[in-house]
Protein backbone atom coordinates (compact mmCIF):
# COMPACT_ATOMS: atom_id res chain seq x y z
CA MET A 1 -44.86 -40.76 80.11
CA ILE A 2 -46.81 -42.07 77.14
CA GLU A 3 -48.78 -45.27 77.56
CA LEU A 4 -48.87 -47.65 74.63
CA ASP A 5 -52.19 -49.38 73.93
CA PHE A 6 -51.25 -53.02 74.55
CA ALA A 7 -54.95 -53.85 75.09
CA LYS A 8 -55.74 -53.58 71.34
CA ASP A 9 -54.19 -56.99 70.69
CA SER A 10 -55.58 -60.07 72.46
CA GLU A 11 -52.00 -61.20 73.24
CA GLY A 12 -50.86 -57.74 74.31
CA LEU A 13 -48.39 -57.45 71.43
CA LEU A 14 -47.63 -54.41 69.32
CA PRO A 15 -45.52 -54.24 66.15
CA ALA A 16 -42.10 -52.61 66.35
CA ILE A 17 -40.62 -51.49 63.05
CA VAL A 18 -36.85 -51.33 63.36
CA GLN A 19 -34.80 -48.90 61.25
CA ASP A 20 -31.12 -48.09 61.08
CA ALA A 21 -30.83 -44.69 62.76
CA LYS A 22 -28.32 -43.37 60.21
CA SER A 23 -29.46 -44.80 56.87
CA GLY A 24 -33.19 -45.21 57.54
CA GLU A 25 -33.06 -48.76 56.14
CA VAL A 26 -35.78 -51.02 57.56
CA LEU A 27 -33.93 -53.77 59.40
CA MET A 28 -36.74 -55.90 60.78
CA LEU A 29 -40.24 -56.11 62.20
CA ALA A 30 -40.70 -57.56 65.66
CA TYR A 31 -43.27 -57.47 68.44
CA ILE A 32 -43.18 -55.89 71.86
CA ASN A 33 -45.27 -56.44 74.96
CA LYS A 34 -45.40 -54.30 78.08
CA GLU A 35 -42.43 -56.10 79.65
CA SER A 36 -40.18 -55.75 76.59
CA TRP A 37 -41.22 -52.10 76.19
CA GLU A 38 -40.23 -51.34 79.77
CA LYS A 39 -36.92 -53.24 79.43
CA THR A 40 -36.15 -51.30 76.25
CA LEU A 41 -36.80 -47.99 78.00
CA ASP A 42 -34.81 -49.03 81.09
CA THR A 43 -31.73 -50.35 79.26
CA GLY A 44 -31.59 -48.39 75.99
CA LYS A 45 -31.27 -51.72 74.15
CA ALA A 46 -34.04 -53.24 72.03
CA HIS A 47 -36.02 -55.98 73.74
CA TYR A 48 -38.84 -57.86 72.03
CA TRP A 49 -41.34 -60.62 72.69
CA SER A 50 -40.50 -63.78 70.76
CA ARG A 51 -43.76 -65.24 69.47
CA SER A 52 -42.07 -68.51 68.50
CA ARG A 53 -40.26 -69.00 71.82
CA GLN A 54 -42.91 -67.27 73.95
CA LYS A 55 -40.36 -65.32 75.94
CA LEU A 56 -38.68 -61.96 76.39
CA TRP A 57 -35.80 -61.50 73.98
CA LEU A 58 -32.90 -59.05 74.07
CA LYS A 59 -31.90 -58.55 70.45
CA GLY A 60 -28.35 -59.83 70.14
CA GLU A 61 -28.35 -62.01 73.26
CA SER A 62 -27.08 -64.98 71.19
CA SER A 63 -25.17 -63.24 68.41
CA GLY A 64 -23.85 -60.14 70.15
CA HIS A 65 -25.57 -58.02 67.47
CA VAL A 66 -27.32 -55.74 69.95
CA GLN A 67 -29.55 -52.86 68.91
CA LYS A 68 -28.92 -49.61 70.77
CA ILE A 69 -31.98 -47.38 70.76
CA ARG A 70 -31.30 -43.95 69.29
CA GLU A 71 -34.90 -42.74 68.86
CA ILE A 72 -38.41 -44.11 69.33
CA LEU A 73 -41.41 -42.98 67.32
CA ILE A 74 -45.00 -43.82 68.30
CA ASP A 75 -47.92 -43.80 65.87
CA CYS A 76 -51.11 -41.78 66.37
CA ASP A 77 -53.07 -44.73 67.80
CA GLN A 78 -50.29 -45.59 70.26
CA ASP A 79 -50.24 -49.19 69.01
CA THR A 80 -47.12 -49.29 66.81
CA VAL A 81 -43.58 -48.10 67.41
CA VAL A 82 -40.55 -47.40 65.26
CA PHE A 83 -37.22 -48.09 66.90
CA LYS A 84 -34.37 -46.20 65.25
CA VAL A 85 -31.30 -48.13 66.29
CA GLU A 86 -27.57 -48.41 66.04
CA GLN A 87 -27.14 -52.02 64.93
CA LEU A 88 -24.01 -53.49 66.46
CA GLY A 89 -22.28 -56.26 64.52
CA GLY A 90 -23.71 -55.06 61.21
CA ALA A 91 -26.60 -57.52 60.98
CA ALA A 92 -30.15 -57.54 62.32
CA CYS A 93 -31.24 -60.71 60.52
CA HIS A 94 -30.68 -64.15 62.07
CA LYS A 95 -29.95 -65.41 58.54
CA GLY A 96 -26.80 -63.25 58.52
CA TYR A 97 -27.99 -60.25 56.49
CA CYS A 98 -27.94 -56.60 57.54
CA SER A 99 -31.73 -56.42 57.11
CA CYS A 100 -34.38 -59.11 57.36
CA PHE A 101 -35.68 -57.65 54.09
CA PHE A 102 -32.82 -58.96 51.95
CA ARG A 103 -35.03 -60.31 49.13
CA ARG A 104 -37.31 -58.63 46.62
CA VAL A 105 -39.93 -59.81 44.19
CA ALA A 106 -38.80 -59.23 40.60
CA GLY A 107 -41.15 -58.22 37.81
CA SER A 108 -41.58 -61.88 36.84
CA GLY A 109 -42.75 -62.77 40.36
CA GLU A 110 -39.51 -64.55 41.19
CA VAL A 111 -37.68 -63.74 44.40
CA GLU A 112 -34.13 -62.48 44.18
CA THR A 113 -31.59 -61.89 46.94
CA ILE A 114 -30.43 -58.28 47.01
CA GLY A 115 -28.52 -58.27 50.31
CA GLU A 116 -25.06 -59.50 51.20
CA ARG A 117 -24.46 -61.81 54.13
CA VAL A 118 -22.59 -60.16 56.99
CA PHE A 119 -22.07 -63.37 58.98
CA ASP A 120 -22.57 -67.12 58.66
CA PRO A 121 -25.53 -68.12 60.84
CA ALA A 122 -24.24 -71.70 61.14
CA VAL A 123 -21.14 -70.33 62.89
CA VAL A 124 -23.03 -67.86 65.12
CA TYR A 125 -26.07 -69.96 66.03
CA GLY A 126 -25.15 -73.51 65.05
CA GLU A 127 -26.40 -75.64 62.12
CA LYS A 128 -30.12 -75.42 62.94
CA ASN A 129 -30.47 -71.75 61.91
CA LYS A 130 -28.75 -71.77 58.49
């Protein structure tokens, strides 16, 4: 079994790049610690460490938009992973978009929305997360 190098970061966190297993679209970037890594391997569902809430987080625990792991890639330094997932519910982003990367910078430097909302976050999470 491969050992990830959680010691490289003072908080024991490693980046997890999340891609749609079929399309290859980047859905989100999150962080994992040893506990979330082990939970992910044990359950086949993506678990992360929430830096804002300082707790273990099963993706989709509030929304039902769970990420089923289809493949995991590990970089050469063993300090970054790519989770290729089946995204249930059609949206990875808590703002209601398929991908957290739903905006792009136009040539003029302005930001434009390029994604379509899949769900209304006010309905799923309540008013505070609109």
